[in-house]
C-alpha atoms as a PDB file:
ATOM      1  CA  LYS A   1      86.850 -18.189 -94.576  1.00  0.00           C
ATOM      2  CA  PHE A   2      90.679 -18.413 -96.340  1.00  0.00           C
ATOM      3  CA  ALA A   3      90.359 -14.402 -97.033  1.00  0.00           C
ATOM      4  CA  GLU A   4      88.606 -13.466 -93.675  1.00  0.00           C
ATOM      5  CA  TYR A   5      91.738 -15.537 -91.532  1.00  0.00           C
ATOM      6  CA  LEU A   6      94.578 -13.841 -93.738  1.00  0.00           C
ATOM      7  CA  GLY A   7      93.169 -10.841 -93.196  1.00  0.00           C
ATOM      8  CA  ALA A   8      93.079 -11.080 -89.671  1.00  0.00           C
ATOM      9  CA  GLY A   9      96.746 -11.899 -89.697  1.00  0.00           C
ATOM     10  CA  LEU A  10      96.034 -15.287 -89.029  1.00  0.00           C
ATOM     11  CA  PRO A  11      98.171 -18.341 -91.287  1.00  0.00           C
ATOM     12  CA  VAL A  12      95.909 -21.406 -92.968  1.00  0.00           C
ATOM     13  CA  LEU A  13      96.208 -24.762 -92.640  1.00  0.00           C
ATOM     14  CA  ILE A  14      94.527 -26.453 -95.542  1.00  0.00           C
ATOM     15  CA  SER A  15      94.511 -29.612 -97.574  1.00  0.00           C
ATOM     16  CA  GLU A  16      95.583 -30.638-100.951  1.00  0.00           C
ATOM     17  CA  GLY A  17      93.054 -29.655-103.788  1.00  0.00           C
ATOM     18  CA  ILE A  18      91.103 -27.034-102.421  1.00  0.00           C
ATOM     19  CA  GLY A  19      90.422 -24.531-105.603  1.00  0.00           C
ATOM     20  CA  ASP A  20      93.392 -21.516-105.636  1.00  0.00           C
ATOM     21  CA  THR A  21      93.979 -21.450-101.958  1.00  0.00           C
ATOM     22  CA  GLU A  22      96.874 -23.951-102.216  1.00  0.00           C
ATOM     23  CA  LEU A  23      98.282 -21.346-104.542  1.00  0.00           C
ATOM     24  CA  PHE A  24      97.328 -18.738-102.942  1.00  0.00           C
ATOM     25  CA  CYS A  25      99.041 -20.431 -99.778  1.00  0.00           C
ATOM     26  CA  ARG A  26     102.394 -21.076-101.240  1.00  0.00           C
ATOM     27  CA  LYS A  27     102.715 -18.015-103.356  1.00  0.00           C
ATOM     28  CA  GLY A  28     102.053 -15.952-100.272  1.00  0.00           C
ATOM     29  CA  ASN A  29     104.177 -18.917 -97.769  1.00  0.00           C
ATOM     30  CA  VAL A  30     100.877 -17.601 -95.174  1.00  0.00           C
ATOM     31  CA  GLY A  31      99.821 -21.014 -94.141  1.00  0.00           C
ATOM     32  CA  VAL A  32     100.630 -24.652 -94.547  1.00  0.00           C
ATOM     33  CA  VAL A  33      99.072 -27.262 -97.210  1.00  0.00           C
ATOM     34  CA  PHE A  34      99.392 -30.852 -96.264  1.00  0.00           C
ATOM     35  CA  ASP A  35      98.184 -34.128 -98.002  1.00  0.00           C
ATOM     36  CA  LEU A  36      95.315 -36.203 -95.161  1.00  0.00           C
ATOM     37  CA  SER A  37      98.026 -39.012 -94.590  1.00  0.00           C
ATOM     38  CA  ASP A  38      99.117 -38.976 -90.968  1.00  0.00           C
ATOM     39  CA  GLN A  39     102.933 -38.122 -92.020  1.00  0.00           C
ATOM     40  CA  GLY A  40     100.781 -35.465 -93.819  1.00  0.00           C
ATOM     41  CA  ILE A  41      99.518 -33.985 -90.555  1.00  0.00           C
ATOM     42  CA  GLU A  42     102.899 -34.788 -88.811  1.00  0.00           C
ATOM     43  CA  ASN A  43     104.432 -32.695 -91.068  1.00  0.00           C
ATOM     44  CA  ALA A  44     101.895 -30.170 -91.200  1.00  0.00           C
ATOM     45  CA  VAL A  45     102.226 -29.175 -87.893  1.00  0.00           C
ATOM     46  CA  THR A  46     105.839 -28.750 -87.544  1.00  0.00           C
ATOM     47  CA  GLU A  47     105.781 -26.266 -90.649  1.00  0.00           C
ATOM     48  CA  MET A  48     102.703 -24.425 -88.405  1.00  0.00           C
ATOM     49  CA  LYS A  49     104.681 -24.152 -85.569  1.00  0.00           C
ATOM     50  CA  GLY A  50     107.559 -23.293 -87.748  1.00  0.00           C
ATOM     51  CA  LEU A  51     105.095 -20.275 -89.079  1.00  0.00           C
ATOM     52  CA  LEU A  52     103.673 -19.472 -85.724  1.00  0.00           C
ATOM     53  CA  GLY A  53     107.203 -18.662 -84.668  1.00  0.00           C
ATOM     54  CA  GLU A  54     108.021 -15.996 -87.835  1.00  0.00           C
ATOM     55  CA  PRO A  55     107.727 -12.460 -86.223  1.00  0.00           C
ATOM     56  CA  ALA A  56     106.571 -11.260 -89.088  1.00  0.00           C
ATOM     57  CA  ILE A  57     103.721 -13.976 -90.050  1.00  0.00           C
ATOM     58  CA  HIS A  58     100.876 -12.089 -89.108  1.00  0.00           C
ATOM     59  CA  THR A  59     101.737  -8.737 -91.213  1.00  0.00           C
ATOM     60  CA  ARG A  60     102.370 -11.142 -93.920  1.00  0.00           C
ATOM     61  CA  CYS A  61      98.918 -12.734 -93.875  1.00  0.00           C
ATOM     62  CA  ALA A  62      97.326  -9.331 -93.447  1.00  0.00           C
ATOM     63  CA  GLU A  63      99.124  -7.659 -96.121  1.00  0.00           C
ATOM     64  CA  PHE A  64      98.886 -11.059 -98.620  1.00  0.00           C
ATOM     65  CA  ALA A  65      95.008 -10.544 -98.095  1.00  0.00           C
ATOM     66  CA  LYS A  66      94.792  -6.864 -98.642  1.00  0.00           C
ATOM     67  CA  GLU A  67      96.944  -7.266-101.752  1.00  0.00           C
ATOM     68  CA  ASN A  68      95.266 -10.145-103.465  1.00  0.00           C
ATOM     69  CA  LEU A  69      92.112 -11.482-101.767  1.00  0.00           C
ATOM     70  CA  SER A  70      90.450  -7.720-101.080  1.00  0.00           C
ATOM     71  CA  LEU A  71      87.492  -6.635-102.822  1.00  0.00           C
ATOM     72  CA  LYS A  72      89.298  -3.521-103.649  1.00  0.00           C
ATOM     73  CA  SER A  73      92.437  -5.533-105.096  1.00  0.00           C
ATOM     74  CA  ALA A  74      89.636  -7.870-107.302  1.00  0.00           C
ATOM     75  CA  ALA A  75      87.985  -4.695-108.806  1.00  0.00           C
ATOM     76  CA  GLU A  76      91.235  -3.508-109.953  1.00  0.00           C
ATOM     77  CA  LYS A  77      92.584  -6.769-111.497  1.00  0.00           C
ATOM     78  CA  TYR A  78      88.479  -6.491-113.446  1.00  0.00           C
ATOM     79  CA  ARG A  79      88.709  -3.154-114.784  1.00  0.00           C
ATOM     80  CA  LYS A  80      92.111  -3.891-115.860  1.00  0.00           C
ATOM     81  CA  LEU A  81      90.962  -6.833-117.644  1.00  0.00           C
ATOM     82  CA  TYR A  82      87.774  -4.903-118.968  1.00  0.00           C
ATOM     83  CA  ILE A  83      90.328  -1.624-120.454  1.00  0.00           C
ATOM     84  CA  SER A  84      93.071  -3.943-122.044  1.00  0.00           C
END
């Protein structure tokens, strides 16, 4: 669902240690990564409110998904790998 939410222009909220999603989330500034402590959850809520207040967040999420998580971008990465 990670790619689908971003593709729809929605920032994501994910817990630490979930595959590559943490790296993508931080790289693109398209969501909040949090730890499962009480303080971590409180911080995540504050951070998400800040992200949702950014006028460009929806466009940034959709563009990030298109450039990094779409079938087209994956196919291009594989093509480059095979010809190298």
